[in-house]
């Protein structure tokens, strides 16, 4: 993805502390205090411009949502959507996914969404894919036993890779669609990329994978 630098983005994000979490490490184990309730917390890793996370927050007011995006110049668009909608159950975080253990403890997060992640198609970049085993281990450490990952992509290669990666990790595949928009799946909320790609005839792939409870017998 080619990024257009927005030097003003950082200042804008800092101007809305009610929506953008500046020091997430201080909320580890107590994210309920951030939202002021004990509702489940769902996170989207790689939230982009925020269409998915804001529409999910509208559709599910009794769930808390946290959009995670590394690039300030991208996530500032998500902030605009939240400001416009005045949503109380969605916040934003600008951190690297590899550092999620610094901000969440086991069970802080109830579900992880991965939508249209960078496929990193070259073999030498495999470890950067958000469904590589080291990332799966991170998600497992912040989800409860039996927690789920919901994943969507238009990239067949990444989808096939993710199916194998999650299966080899020992996850259970509860839902797999090779053509989401021509399936009977209900309640799908599209991302910006999803609408763009599907309008051009691209097939959308989706899966729901679950970590096995008490994997190591703990």
C-alpha atoms as a PDB file:
ATOM      1  CA  UNK A   1       0.000   0.000   0.000  1.00  0.00           C
ATOM      2  CA  UNK A   2       1.425   3.362  -1.016  1.00  0.00           C
ATOM      3  CA  UNK A   3       1.034   5.844   1.820  1.00  0.00           C
ATOM      4  CA  UNK A   4       0.675   9.565   1.409  1.00  0.00           C
ATOM      5  CA  UNK A   5       2.347  11.245   4.343  1.00  0.00           C
ATOM      6  CA  UNK A   6       0.128  13.527   6.399  1.00  0.00           C
ATOM      7  CA  UNK A   7       2.403  15.496   8.760  1.00  0.00           C
ATOM      8  CA  UNK A   8      -0.626  16.850  10.585  1.00  0.00           C
ATOM      9  CA  UNK A   9      -2.060  13.399  11.361  1.00  0.00           C
ATOM     10  CA  UNK A  10      -0.175  12.888  14.635  1.00  0.00           C
ATOM     11  CA  UNK A  11      -1.384  16.211  16.079  1.00  0.00           C
ATOM     12  CA  UNK A  12      -4.963  15.449  15.103  1.00  0.00           C
ATOM     13  CA  UNK A  13      -4.840  12.027  16.727  1.00  0.00           C
ATOM     14  CA  UNK A  14      -3.445  13.545  19.923  1.00  0.00           C
ATOM     15  CA  UNK A  15      -6.256  16.093  19.944  1.00  0.00           C
ATOM     16  CA  UNK A  16      -8.860  13.360  20.501  1.00  0.00           C
ATOM     17  CA  UNK A  17      -7.719  11.358  23.543  1.00  0.00           C
ATOM     18  CA  UNK A  18     -11.318  10.203  24.075  1.00  0.00           C
ATOM     19  CA  UNK A  19     -10.956   8.129  20.910  1.00  0.00           C
ATOM     20  CA  UNK A  20      -7.205   7.562  20.449  1.00  0.00           C
ATOM     21  CA  UNK A  21      -5.403   5.722  23.255  1.00  0.00           C
ATOM     22  CA  UNK A  22      -2.013   7.372  23.774  1.00  0.00           C
ATOM     23  CA  UNK A  23      -0.471   5.085  26.429  1.00  0.00           C
ATOM     24  CA  UNK A  24      -2.035   1.652  25.941  1.00  0.00           C
ATOM     25  CA  UNK A  25       0.435  -0.195  28.179  1.00  0.00           C
ATOM     26  CA  UNK A  26      -1.139   1.431  31.230  1.00  0.00           C
ATOM     27  CA  UNK A  27      -4.483  -0.225  30.449  1.00  0.00           C
ATOM     28  CA  UNK A  28      -3.200  -3.782  30.246  1.00  0.00           C
ATOM     29  CA  UNK A  29      -5.625  -5.942  32.214  1.00  0.00           C
ATOM     30  CA  UNK A  30      -8.111  -3.112  32.707  1.00  0.00           C
ATOM     31  CA  UNK A  31      -9.482  -2.135  29.319  1.00  0.00           C
ATOM     32  CA  UNK A  32     -12.951  -2.129  30.859  1.00  0.00           C
ATOM     33  CA  UNK A  33     -11.947   1.137  32.532  1.00  0.00           C
ATOM     34  CA  UNK A  34     -11.204   2.712  29.141  1.00  0.00           C
ATOM     35  CA  UNK A  35     -14.715   1.965  27.914  1.00  0.00           C
ATOM     36  CA  UNK A  36     -16.469   2.311  31.283  1.00  0.00           C
ATOM     37  CA  UNK A  37     -18.147  -1.105  31.111  1.00  0.00           C
ATOM     38  CA  UNK A  38     -17.426  -4.838  31.157  1.00  0.00           C
ATOM     39  CA  UNK A  39     -18.566  -5.579  27.607  1.00  0.00           C
ATOM     40  CA  UNK A  40     -16.441  -7.893  25.426  1.00  0.00           C
ATOM     41  CA  UNK A  41     -13.565  -6.270  23.541  1.00  0.00           C
ATOM     42  CA  UNK A  42     -13.054  -7.081  19.851  1.00  0.00           C
ATOM     43  CA  UNK A  43      -9.951  -5.772  18.081  1.00  0.00           C
ATOM     44  CA  UNK A  44      -9.215  -5.312  14.398  1.00  0.00           C
ATOM     45  CA  UNK A  45      -5.514  -5.630  13.601  1.00  0.00           C
ATOM     46  CA  UNK A  46      -4.834  -3.434  10.574  1.00  0.00           C
ATOM     47  CA  UNK A  47      -7.938  -1.289  10.733  1.00  0.00           C
ATOM     48  CA  UNK A  48      -7.010   0.924   7.773  1.00  0.00           C
ATOM     49  CA  UNK A  49      -9.433   3.792   7.210  1.00  0.00           C
ATOM     50  CA  UNK A  50     -11.890   2.405   9.733  1.00  0.00           C
ATOM     51  CA  UNK A  51     -15.048   1.554   7.833  1.00  0.00           C
ATOM     52  CA  UNK A  52     -15.287  -1.974   9.231  1.00  0.00           C
ATOM     53  CA  UNK A  53     -14.610  -1.097  12.865  1.00  0.00           C
ATOM     54  CA  UNK A  54     -17.001   1.874  12.941  1.00  0.00           C
ATOM     55  CA  UNK A  55     -19.833   0.010  11.207  1.00  0.00           C
ATOM     56  CA  UNK A  56     -19.338  -2.932  13.571  1.00  0.00           C
ATOM     57  CA  UNK A  57     -19.535  -0.572  16.523  1.00  0.00           C
ATOM     58  CA  UNK A  58     -22.820   0.827  15.195  1.00  0.00           C
ATOM     59  CA  UNK A  59     -24.249  -2.638  14.632  1.00  0.00           C
ATOM     60  CA  UNK A  60     -23.132  -4.029  18.010  1.00  0.00           C
ATOM     61  CA  UNK A  61     -23.478  -1.315  20.675  1.00  0.00           C
ATOM     62  CA  UNK A  62     -22.936  -3.781  23.534  1.00  0.00           C
ATOM     63  CA  UNK A  63     -19.480  -4.777  22.306  1.00  0.00           C
ATOM     64  CA  UNK A  64     -16.362  -2.625  22.618  1.00  0.00           C
ATOM     65  CA  UNK A  65     -14.158  -2.280  19.538  1.00  0.00           C
ATOM     66  CA  UNK A  66     -10.536  -1.249  19.204  1.00  0.00           C
ATOM     67  CA  UNK A  67      -9.059  -0.462  15.805  1.00  0.00           C
ATOM     68  CA  UNK A  68      -5.302  -1.067  15.619  1.00  0.00           C
ATOM     69  CA  UNK A  69      -3.280   0.475  12.812  1.00  0.00           C
ATOM     70  CA  UNK A  70       0.436   1.182  12.563  1.00  0.00           C
ATOM     71  CA  UNK A  71       0.224   4.159  10.213  1.00  0.00           C
ATOM     72  CA  UNK A  72      -1.011   7.483  11.580  1.00  0.00           C
ATOM     73  CA  UNK A  73      -1.657   8.827   8.081  1.00  0.00           C
ATOM     74  CA  UNK A  74      -4.144   5.986   7.545  1.00  0.00           C
ATOM     75  CA  UNK A  75      -5.871   5.716  10.896  1.00  0.00           C
ATOM     76  CA  UNK A  76      -6.663   9.430  10.943  1.00  0.00           C
ATOM     77  CA  UNK A  77      -9.422   8.604   8.421  1.00  0.00           C
ATOM     78  CA  UNK A  78     -10.891   6.161  10.932  1.00  0.00           C
ATOM     79  CA  UNK A  79     -10.822   8.913  13.536  1.00  0.00           C
ATOM     80  CA  UNK A  80     -12.899  11.139  11.233  1.00  0.00           C
ATOM     81  CA  UNK A  81     -15.535   8.405  10.989  1.00  0.00           C
ATOM     82  CA  UNK A  82     -15.688   7.990  14.761  1.00  0.00           C
ATOM     83  CA  UNK A  83     -15.918  11.730  15.358  1.00  0.00           C
ATOM     84  CA  UNK A  84     -18.752  12.017  12.864  1.00  0.00           C
ATOM     85  CA  UNK A  85     -20.678   9.113  14.397  1.00  0.00           C
ATOM     86  CA  UNK A  86     -19.861   9.976  18.038  1.00  0.00           C
ATOM     87  CA  UNK A  87     -19.531   6.276  18.807  1.00  0.00           C
ATOM     88  CA  UNK A  88     -18.860   5.529  22.494  1.00  0.00           C
ATOM     89  CA  UNK A  89     -17.832   1.894  21.964  1.00  0.00           C
ATOM     90  CA  UNK A  90     -14.899   2.235  19.584  1.00  0.00           C
ATOM     91  CA  UNK A  91     -11.350   3.496  20.177  1.00  0.00           C
ATOM     92  CA  UNK A  92      -8.160   3.563  18.116  1.00  0.00           C
ATOM     93  CA  UNK A  93      -4.595   2.513  18.747  1.00  0.00           C
ATOM     94  CA  UNK A  94      -1.462   3.225  16.674  1.00  0.00           C
ATOM     95  CA  UNK A  95       0.893   0.374  17.531  1.00  0.00           C
ATOM     96  CA  UNK A  96       2.659  -2.530  15.830  1.00  0.00           C
ATOM     97  CA  UNK A  97       0.815  -5.858  15.978  1.00  0.00           C
ATOM     98  CA  UNK A  98       3.979  -7.634  17.118  1.00  0.00           C
ATOM     99  CA  UNK A  99       3.809  -5.649  20.368  1.00  0.00           C
ATOM    100  CA  UNK A 100       0.239  -6.552  21.359  1.00  0.00           C
ATOM    101  CA  UNK A 101       1.394  -8.529  24.400  1.00  0.00           C
ATOM    102  CA  UNK A 102       2.632  -5.242  25.863  1.00  0.00           C
ATOM    103  CA  UNK A 103      -0.904  -3.864  25.908  1.00  0.00           C
ATOM    104  CA  UNK A 104      -3.166  -6.857  26.559  1.00  0.00           C
ATOM    105  CA  UNK A 105      -3.072  -9.750  28.968  1.00  0.00           C
ATOM    106  CA  UNK A 106      -4.726 -13.139  28.577  1.00  0.00           C
ATOM    107  CA  UNK A 107      -8.463 -12.688  28.042  1.00  0.00           C
ATOM    108  CA  UNK A 108      -8.417  -8.897  27.628  1.00  0.00           C
ATOM    109  CA  UNK A 109      -9.497  -9.387  24.005  1.00  0.00           C
ATOM    110  CA  UNK A 110     -12.536 -11.529  23.146  1.00  0.00           C
ATOM    111  CA  UNK A 111     -12.052 -11.700  19.374  1.00  0.00           C
ATOM    112  CA  UNK A 112      -9.473 -10.698  16.739  1.00  0.00           C
ATOM    113  CA  UNK A 113     -10.399  -9.486  13.254  1.00  0.00           C
ATOM    114  CA  UNK A 114      -7.893  -9.531  10.400  1.00  0.00           C
ATOM    115  CA  UNK A 115      -9.244  -7.860   7.268  1.00  0.00           C
ATOM    116  CA  UNK A 116      -7.361  -7.587   3.959  1.00  0.00           C
ATOM    117  CA  UNK A 117      -3.942  -7.820   5.570  1.00  0.00           C
ATOM    118  CA  UNK A 118      -0.832  -7.206   3.480  1.00  0.00           C
ATOM    119  CA  UNK A 119      -0.188 -10.584   1.777  1.00  0.00           C
ATOM    120  CA  UNK A 120       3.625 -10.211   1.772  1.00  0.00           C
ATOM    121  CA  UNK A 121       3.771 -12.645  -1.177  1.00  0.00           C
ATOM    122  CA  UNK A 122       7.522 -13.193  -1.238  1.00  0.00           C
ATOM    123  CA  UNK A 123       8.700 -16.220   0.725  1.00  0.00           C
ATOM    124  CA  UNK A 124      11.388 -14.219   2.512  1.00  0.00           C
ATOM    125  CA  UNK A 125       8.657 -11.998   3.980  1.00  0.00           C
ATOM    126  CA  UNK A 126       6.584 -14.882   5.364  1.00  0.00           C
ATOM    127  CA  UNK A 127       7.227 -13.870   8.983  1.00  0.00           C
ATOM    128  CA  UNK A 128       5.526 -10.519   8.336  1.00  0.00           C
ATOM    129  CA  UNK A 129       2.187 -12.084   7.443  1.00  0.00           C
ATOM    130  CA  UNK A 130      -0.359 -11.511  10.201  1.00  0.00           C
ATOM    131  CA  UNK A 131      -1.331 -15.180  10.088  1.00  0.00           C
ATOM    132  CA  UNK A 132       2.250 -16.448  10.523  1.00  0.00           C
ATOM    133  CA  UNK A 133       2.722 -18.673  13.566  1.00  0.00           C
ATOM    134  CA  UNK A 134       4.441 -16.030  15.686  1.00  0.00           C
ATOM    135  CA  UNK A 135       1.458 -13.701  15.257  1.00  0.00           C
ATOM    136  CA  UNK A 136      -0.937 -16.564  15.988  1.00  0.00           C
ATOM    137  CA  UNK A 137       0.948 -17.088  19.239  1.00  0.00           C
ATOM    138  CA  UNK A 138       0.480 -13.421  20.112  1.00  0.00           C
ATOM    139  CA  UNK A 139      -3.263 -13.578  19.470  1.00  0.00           C
ATOM    140  CA  UNK A 140      -3.528 -16.749  21.550  1.00  0.00           C
ATOM    141  CA  UNK A 141      -1.833 -14.979  24.467  1.00  0.00           C
ATOM    142  CA  UNK A 142      -4.333 -12.105  24.538  1.00  0.00           C
ATOM    143  CA  UNK A 143      -7.519 -14.075  23.780  1.00  0.00           C
ATOM    144  CA  UNK A 144      -9.346 -16.318  26.256  1.00  0.00           C
ATOM    145  CA  UNK A 145      -9.089 -20.087  25.874  1.00  0.00           C
ATOM    146  CA  UNK A 146     -11.062 -20.992  22.772  1.00  0.00           C
ATOM    147  CA  UNK A 147     -10.826 -17.434  21.398  1.00  0.00           C
ATOM    148  CA  UNK A 148     -11.432 -16.791  17.716  1.00  0.00           C
ATOM    149  CA  UNK A 149      -9.815 -15.055  14.758  1.00  0.00           C
ATOM    150  CA  UNK A 150     -12.073 -13.863  11.935  1.00  0.00           C
ATOM    151  CA  UNK A 151     -10.133 -13.305   8.719  1.00  0.00           C
ATOM    152  CA  UNK A 152     -11.067 -11.871   5.306  1.00  0.00           C
ATOM    153  CA  UNK A 153      -9.010 -11.311   2.177  1.00  0.00           C
ATOM    154  CA  UNK A 154      -9.251 -11.108  -1.591  1.00  0.00           C
ATOM    155  CA  UNK A 155      -5.824 -12.739  -1.932  1.00  0.00           C
ATOM    156  CA  UNK A 156      -6.169 -16.443  -2.665  1.00  0.00           C
ATOM    157  CA  UNK A 157      -2.519 -17.149  -1.900  1.00  0.00           C
ATOM    158  CA  UNK A 158      -2.707 -15.521   1.522  1.00  0.00           C
ATOM    159  CA  UNK A 159      -5.970 -17.311   2.275  1.00  0.00           C
ATOM    160  CA  UNK A 160      -4.522 -20.708   1.391  1.00  0.00           C
ATOM    161  CA  UNK A 161      -1.419 -19.920   3.418  1.00  0.00           C
ATOM    162  CA  UNK A 162      -3.544 -18.886   6.405  1.00  0.00           C
ATOM    163  CA  UNK A 163      -5.607 -22.071   6.282  1.00  0.00           C
ATOM    164  CA  UNK A 164      -2.427 -24.116   6.434  1.00  0.00           C
ATOM    165  CA  UNK A 165      -0.766 -21.919   9.058  1.00  0.00           C
ATOM    166  CA  UNK A 166      -3.754 -22.020  11.398  1.00  0.00           C
ATOM    167  CA  UNK A 167      -4.291 -25.757  10.896  1.00  0.00           C
ATOM    168  CA  UNK A 168      -0.653 -26.519  11.620  1.00  0.00           C
ATOM    169  CA  UNK A 169      -0.865 -24.355  14.723  1.00  0.00           C
ATOM    170  CA  UNK A 170      -3.667 -26.598  15.952  1.00  0.00           C
ATOM    171  CA  UNK A 171      -6.576 -24.204  15.480  1.00  0.00           C
ATOM    172  CA  UNK A 172     -10.094 -25.348  14.642  1.00  0.00           C
ATOM    173  CA  UNK A 173     -11.607 -24.017  11.416  1.00  0.00           C
ATOM    174  CA  UNK A 174     -15.239 -23.306  12.258  1.00  0.00           C
ATOM    175  CA  UNK A 175     -16.141 -21.460   9.054  1.00  0.00           C
ATOM    176  CA  UNK A 176     -14.513 -21.293   5.634  1.00  0.00           C
ATOM    177  CA  UNK A 177     -15.930 -19.479   2.594  1.00  0.00           C
ATOM    178  CA  UNK A 178     -14.210 -19.414  -0.773  1.00  0.00           C
ATOM    179  CA  UNK A 179     -16.711 -16.900  -2.162  1.00  0.00           C
ATOM    180  CA  UNK A 180     -18.195 -14.893   0.685  1.00  0.00           C
ATOM    181  CA  UNK A 181     -20.442 -12.600  -1.346  1.00  0.00           C
ATOM    182  CA  UNK A 182     -22.096 -15.560  -3.078  1.00  0.00           C
ATOM    183  CA  UNK A 183     -22.635 -17.501   0.139  1.00  0.00           C
ATOM    184  CA  UNK A 184     -25.470 -17.474   2.655  1.00  0.00           C
ATOM    185  CA  UNK A 185     -23.343 -15.721   5.280  1.00  0.00           C
ATOM    186  CA  UNK A 186     -25.371 -13.004   7.017  1.00  0.00           C
ATOM    187  CA  UNK A 187     -24.255  -9.820   8.712  1.00  0.00           C
ATOM    188  CA  UNK A 188     -21.161  -9.164   6.627  1.00  0.00           C
ATOM    189  CA  UNK A 189     -19.781  -5.653   7.018  1.00  0.00           C
ATOM    190  CA  UNK A 190     -17.445  -4.614   4.245  1.00  0.00           C
ATOM    191  CA  UNK A 191     -14.167  -2.785   4.475  1.00  0.00           C
ATOM    192  CA  UNK A 192     -13.137  -0.123   1.971  1.00  0.00           C
ATOM    193  CA  UNK A 193     -10.885  -2.636   0.215  1.00  0.00           C
ATOM    194  CA  UNK A 194     -13.600  -5.267   0.177  1.00  0.00           C
ATOM    195  CA  UNK A 195     -16.057  -3.004  -1.603  1.00  0.00           C
ATOM    196  CA  UNK A 196     -13.391  -1.944  -4.099  1.00  0.00           C
ATOM    197  CA  UNK A 197     -12.213  -5.453  -4.908  1.00  0.00           C
ATOM    198  CA  UNK A 198     -15.630  -7.111  -4.982  1.00  0.00           C
ATOM    199  CA  UNK A 199     -16.986  -4.407  -7.308  1.00  0.00           C
ATOM    200  CA  UNK A 200     -14.266  -5.448  -9.764  1.00  0.00           C
ATOM    201  CA  UNK A 201     -15.348  -9.071  -9.558  1.00  0.00           C
ATOM    202  CA  UNK A 202     -12.722 -10.267  -7.112  1.00  0.00           C
ATOM    203  CA  UNK A 203     -13.699 -13.207  -4.942  1.00  0.00           C
ATOM    204  CA  UNK A 204     -13.700 -12.574  -1.192  1.00  0.00           C
ATOM    205  CA  UNK A 205     -12.434 -15.301   1.116  1.00  0.00           C
ATOM    206  CA  UNK A 206     -13.378 -15.575   4.775  1.00  0.00           C
ATOM    207  CA  UNK A 207     -12.635 -17.891   7.680  1.00  0.00           C
ATOM    208  CA  UNK A 208     -13.281 -18.207  11.396  1.00  0.00           C
ATOM    209  CA  UNK A 209     -10.595 -20.077  13.308  1.00  0.00           C
ATOM    210  CA  UNK A 210     -10.626 -20.978  16.994  1.00  0.00           C
ATOM    211  CA  UNK A 211      -7.771 -21.723  19.350  1.00  0.00           C
ATOM    212  CA  UNK A 212      -8.160 -24.986  21.192  1.00  0.00           C
ATOM    213  CA  UNK A 213      -9.000 -24.523  24.867  1.00  0.00           C
ATOM    214  CA  UNK A 214      -6.249 -25.450  27.295  1.00  0.00           C
ATOM    215  CA  UNK A 215      -3.904 -26.280  24.457  1.00  0.00           C
ATOM    216  CA  UNK A 216      -1.093 -27.207  26.825  1.00  0.00           C
ATOM    217  CA  UNK A 217      -3.293 -28.623  29.522  1.00  0.00           C
ATOM    218  CA  UNK A 218      -3.027 -25.592  31.782  1.00  0.00           C
END
